[in-house]
Amino acid sequence: MPLTNPYAQENDGAFGTSVEARGWQAGYDAGVSTPPDVPQGPSTRHPGFMDAWAEGAVAGNADGRTEGWRLRPVTERSGLVVKVPGSEPQDSGESGEEAGAFAVAWKSVGHLPLALILQQLAPGTGTGPGSQLAGLALDRACADKGGPDRLYLPLCVSPPHELSDDALFEAGYWHGDFSGSLDEAGQAAVSHALVRVPHFAGLVRYRPAGTHNFWDWLPMENGRPEEP
């Protein structure tokens, strides 16, 4: 995508990344999902966040029209966005023993799975309140560790868990540990599917994407990534 966050993305004192930078990214993630319409803003009282959110939404909306993305959030609080049902996925381009089970990929955007991968890849790395800049921090962490070109996280919809330190479980998503190998992550997803009744089991595939919260959803056995 041609546009990047225009606000300062470095830590702002003791309060983490600036609220404007976080607002812009949250707006961008929403705006890229809704062309040709600019989405309605979230409810918040912080004027800096809302002003930056509106700017980001316009930028994301323009990129969504230009690039042909058709994305939407699964739920507002989940931090996950998947492609609109009815759109066409792409060939995943993967190879290996498990590649046949993960043959297609859907363009996706959202900070929550990237924040989880970041937590596992580089423990203690902060992204500020709300984690809207998880993509930026994960991109930097990959560069610091020698530039892995892709990471995979087994994931599926599950009943929401009670409050914990794991935001994905709380939002209603089972996940395993990330891996740099599709075969390793794929085997974890397949093993979970054999002993559970998962909904839309698959893999989050992250490829470093600069400042953005972009990732691919590789559904197991070509399942559709529709809303639960």
Protein backbone atom coordinates (compact mmCIF):
# COMPACT_ATOMS: atom_id res chain seq x y z
CA MET A 1 0.00 0.00 0.00
CA PRO A 2 1.37 3.43 -0.90
CA LEU A 3 0.38 5.37 2.23
CA THR A 4 1.99 5.07 5.67
CA ASN A 5 1.20 6.51 9.06
CA PRO A 6 2.10 10.23 9.04
CA TYR A 7 2.21 10.52 12.84
CA ALA A 8 5.21 9.86 15.07
CA GLN A 9 5.48 6.14 15.66
CA GLU A 10 8.21 6.20 18.31
CA ASN A 11 7.39 5.87 21.99
CA ASP A 12 5.96 9.06 23.48
CA GLY A 13 7.35 9.18 27.00
CA ALA A 14 5.84 6.77 29.54
CA PHE A 15 2.55 6.45 27.68
CA GLY A 16 3.71 4.47 24.65
CA THR A 17 3.20 5.40 21.01
CA SER A 18 1.29 8.61 20.36
CA VAL A 19 -2.49 8.37 20.44
CA GLU A 20 -2.63 10.01 17.01
CA ALA A 21 -0.42 7.31 15.47
CA ARG A 22 -2.61 4.60 16.97
CA GLY A 23 -5.77 6.37 15.86
CA TRP A 24 -4.54 6.72 12.28
CA GLN A 25 -3.67 3.03 12.01
CA ALA A 26 -7.00 1.93 13.48
CA GLY A 27 -8.80 4.17 10.98
CA TYR A 28 -6.69 2.86 8.11
CA ASP A 29 -7.47 -0.77 8.98
CA ALA A 30 -11.18 0.09 8.95
CA GLY A 31 -11.02 2.24 5.82
CA VAL A 32 -9.19 -0.31 3.67
CA SER A 33 -12.06 -2.71 4.42
CA THR A 34 -14.94 -0.61 3.15
CA PRO A 35 -14.44 0.93 -0.31
CA PRO A 36 -16.16 2.85 -1.75
CA ASP A 37 -17.59 4.06 1.59
CA VAL A 38 -15.61 5.69 4.39
CA PRO A 39 -16.57 3.80 7.59
CA GLN A 40 -18.28 5.33 10.59
CA GLY A 41 -15.83 6.13 13.37
CA PRO A 42 -15.63 4.30 16.72
CA SER A 43 -16.93 5.78 19.94
CA THR A 44 -14.20 7.59 21.86
CA ARG A 45 -13.83 10.93 23.61
CA HIS A 46 -10.21 11.56 22.70
CA PRO A 47 -10.21 14.22 19.95
CA GLY A 48 -6.64 13.45 18.84
CA PHE A 49 -7.45 9.79 18.30
CA MET A 50 -10.68 10.56 16.45
CA ASP A 51 -9.17 13.23 14.19
CA ALA A 52 -6.30 10.90 13.23
CA TRP A 53 -8.74 7.98 12.87
CA ALA A 54 -10.76 9.96 10.33
CA GLU A 55 -7.62 10.79 8.34
CA GLY A 56 -6.50 7.16 8.40
CA ALA A 57 -9.93 5.93 7.32
CA VAL A 58 -9.87 8.18 4.25
CA ALA A 59 -6.35 7.00 3.35
CA GLY A 60 -7.29 3.34 3.82
CA ASN A 61 -10.46 3.78 1.82
CA ALA A 62 -8.49 5.25 -1.07
CA ASP A 63 -5.97 2.39 -0.96
CA GLY A 64 -8.78 -0.17 -0.81
CA ARG A 65 -10.28 1.25 -4.00
CA THR A 66 -6.88 1.41 -5.74
CA GLU A 67 -5.71 -2.07 -4.76
CA GLY A 68 -9.08 -3.80 -5.04
CA TRP A 69 -9.16 -5.02 -1.44
CA ARG A 70 -12.54 -6.01 -0.08
CA LEU A 71 -12.11 -6.60 3.63
CA ARG A 72 -14.17 -6.25 6.76
CA PRO A 73 -13.84 -6.81 10.50
CA VAL A 74 -15.14 -10.08 11.95
CA THR A 75 -16.10 -8.23 15.14
CA GLU A 76 -15.20 -4.71 16.18
CA ARG A 77 -13.39 -5.77 19.35
CA SER A 78 -11.62 -8.82 17.94
CA GLY A 79 -8.98 -6.89 16.01
CA LEU A 80 -9.37 -9.35 13.12
CA VAL A 81 -10.43 -8.52 9.58
CA VAL A 82 -11.04 -11.04 6.82
CA LYS A 83 -12.08 -10.81 3.20
CA VAL A 84 -15.76 -10.37 2.42
CA PRO A 85 -17.51 -13.70 1.73
CA GLY A 86 -18.16 -14.04 -1.99
CA SER A 87 -14.82 -12.55 -2.99
CA GLU A 88 -12.20 -14.82 -4.50
CA PRO A 89 -9.10 -15.99 -2.61
CA GLN A 90 -5.67 -16.28 -4.17
CA ASP A 91 -3.39 -19.30 -4.57
CA SER A 92 -1.36 -19.44 -1.35
CA GLY A 93 1.82 -20.23 -3.27
CA GLU A 94 2.98 -22.54 -0.47
CA SER A 95 4.88 -25.81 -0.81
CA GLY A 96 5.66 -28.67 1.54
CA GLU A 97 3.90 -31.62 3.14
CA GLU A 98 1.00 -29.54 4.52
CA ALA A 99 0.65 -27.17 1.55
CA GLY A 100 -2.27 -29.10 0.07
CA ALA A 101 -4.39 -28.39 3.14
CA PHE A 102 -3.68 -24.65 2.90
CA ALA A 103 -3.92 -24.03 -0.83
CA VAL A 104 -5.63 -20.62 -0.84
CA ALA A 105 -5.04 -17.28 0.88
CA TRP A 106 -7.36 -14.39 1.70
CA LYS A 107 -6.03 -10.85 2.06
CA SER A 108 -6.59 -9.79 5.65
CA VAL A 109 -5.85 -6.93 8.02
CA GLY A 110 -6.01 -6.45 11.79
CA HIS A 111 -3.63 -5.98 14.68
CA LEU A 112 -4.63 -8.74 17.10
CA PRO A 113 -2.94 -11.83 15.58
CA LEU A 114 0.17 -9.78 14.79
CA ALA A 115 0.37 -8.62 18.40
CA LEU A 116 0.27 -12.27 19.52
CA ILE A 117 3.03 -13.29 17.09
CA LEU A 118 5.08 -10.30 18.26
CA GLN A 119 4.63 -11.33 21.90
CA GLN A 120 5.93 -14.82 21.10
CA LEU A 121 8.72 -13.69 18.75
CA ALA A 122 10.06 -10.85 20.87
CA PRO A 123 8.75 -11.04 24.46
CA GLY A 124 8.61 -7.67 26.18
CA THR A 125 8.27 -5.69 22.96
CA GLY A 126 5.56 -3.10 23.54
CA THR A 127 3.22 -1.62 20.97
CA GLY A 128 1.40 0.82 23.21
CA PRO A 129 -2.19 0.71 24.45
CA GLY A 130 -4.55 -0.97 22.00
CA SER A 131 -1.75 -2.58 19.94
CA GLN A 132 -2.90 -0.84 16.76
CA LEU A 133 0.75 -0.59 15.67
CA ALA A 134 1.54 -4.29 16.05
CA GLY A 135 2.43 -4.54 12.36
CA LEU A 136 5.06 -1.84 12.68
CA ALA A 137 6.63 -3.44 15.76
CA LEU A 138 6.54 -6.93 14.24
CA ASP A 139 8.17 -5.71 11.03
CA ARG A 140 11.01 -4.21 13.09
CA ALA A 141 11.35 -7.34 15.23
CA CYS A 142 11.69 -9.50 12.10
CA ALA A 143 14.41 -7.20 10.79
CA ASP A 144 16.24 -7.34 14.13
CA LYS A 145 16.19 -11.15 14.04
CA GLY A 146 17.66 -11.43 10.56
CA GLY A 147 14.59 -10.94 8.43
CA PRO A 148 12.38 -14.09 8.45
CA ASP A 149 10.33 -13.74 5.27
CA ARG A 150 7.16 -15.28 6.70
CA LEU A 151 5.66 -16.47 9.97
CA TYR A 152 2.63 -18.70 10.58
CA LEU A 153 0.15 -18.89 13.47
CA PRO A 154 -2.43 -21.72 13.75
CA LEU A 155 -5.81 -20.19 14.58
CA CYS A 156 -9.51 -21.01 14.65
CA VAL A 157 -12.75 -19.67 16.09
CA SER A 158 -13.56 -21.05 19.54
CA PRO A 159 -15.86 -20.15 22.45
CA PRO A 160 -14.68 -16.94 24.17
CA HIS A 161 -12.54 -17.48 27.25
CA GLU A 162 -12.73 -15.56 30.49
CA LEU A 163 -10.41 -12.64 31.14
CA SER A 164 -6.78 -13.64 30.81
CA ASP A 165 -3.49 -12.33 29.51
CA ASP A 166 -4.33 -13.66 26.04
CA ALA A 167 -6.41 -11.25 23.96
CA LEU A 168 -7.07 -13.80 21.19
CA PHE A 169 -8.54 -16.33 23.62
CA GLU A 170 -10.69 -13.59 25.16
CA ALA A 171 -11.97 -12.59 21.71
CA GLY A 172 -12.95 -16.19 20.94
CA TYR A 173 -10.04 -17.60 18.95
CA TRP A 174 -7.95 -20.66 19.76
CA HIS A 175 -4.34 -20.37 18.65
CA GLY A 176 -1.12 -22.33 18.83
CA ASP A 177 2.46 -21.07 18.78
CA PHE A 178 3.86 -19.24 15.78
CA SER A 179 6.38 -20.94 13.53
CA GLY A 180 8.59 -20.04 10.61
CA SER A 181 7.54 -23.31 8.94
CA LEU A 182 4.17 -23.85 7.24
CA ASP A 183 4.50 -27.60 7.84
CA GLU A 184 5.03 -27.16 11.59
CA ALA A 185 2.19 -24.66 12.02
CA GLY A 186 -0.04 -26.63 9.68
CA GLN A 187 0.44 -29.84 11.67
CA ALA A 188 -0.59 -27.94 14.83
CA ALA A 189 -3.79 -26.73 13.13
CA VAL A 190 -4.57 -30.21 11.77
CA SER A 191 -3.93 -31.83 15.16
CA HIS A 192 -6.28 -29.36 16.85
CA ALA A 193 -8.95 -30.06 14.24
CA LEU A 194 -8.69 -33.82 14.88
CA VAL A 195 -9.52 -33.56 18.59
CA ARG A 196 -11.83 -30.55 18.59
CA VAL A 197 -14.70 -29.18 16.55
CA PRO A 198 -12.99 -26.06 15.23
CA HIS A 199 -14.66 -23.38 13.20
CA PHE A 200 -12.67 -22.03 10.26
CA ALA A 201 -9.36 -23.54 11.35
CA GLY A 202 -6.36 -22.30 9.43
CA LEU A 203 -3.17 -20.29 9.53
CA VAL A 204 -2.38 -16.63 9.85
CA ARG A 205 0.55 -15.99 7.50
CA TYR A 206 2.55 -12.83 8.15
CA ARG A 207 4.98 -11.46 5.61
CA PRO A 208 6.78 -8.25 6.69
CA ALA A 209 4.65 -5.36 5.46
CA GLY A 210 6.23 -2.21 6.83
CA THR A 211 3.95 -0.19 9.07
CA HIS A 212 0.70 -1.96 8.20
CA ASN A 213 -1.27 -4.70 9.95
CA PHE A 214 -1.52 -6.88 6.84
CA TRP A 215 -1.54 -10.69 6.87
CA ASP A 216 -3.00 -13.60 4.91
CA TRP A 217 -5.60 -16.08 6.11
CA LEU A 218 -4.93 -19.64 4.87
CA PRO A 219 -8.06 -21.67 5.72
CA MET A 220 -7.58 -25.39 6.25
CA GLU A 221 -9.02 -27.45 3.40
CA ASN A 222 -10.23 -24.28 1.64
CA GLY A 223 -12.78 -23.45 4.34
CA ARG A 224 -14.44 -20.06 4.06
CA PRO A 225 -13.37 -17.36 6.57
CA GLU A 226 -16.88 -16.11 7.27
CA GLU A 227 -18.10 -14.62 10.51
CA PRO A 228 -18.83 -16.99 13.40
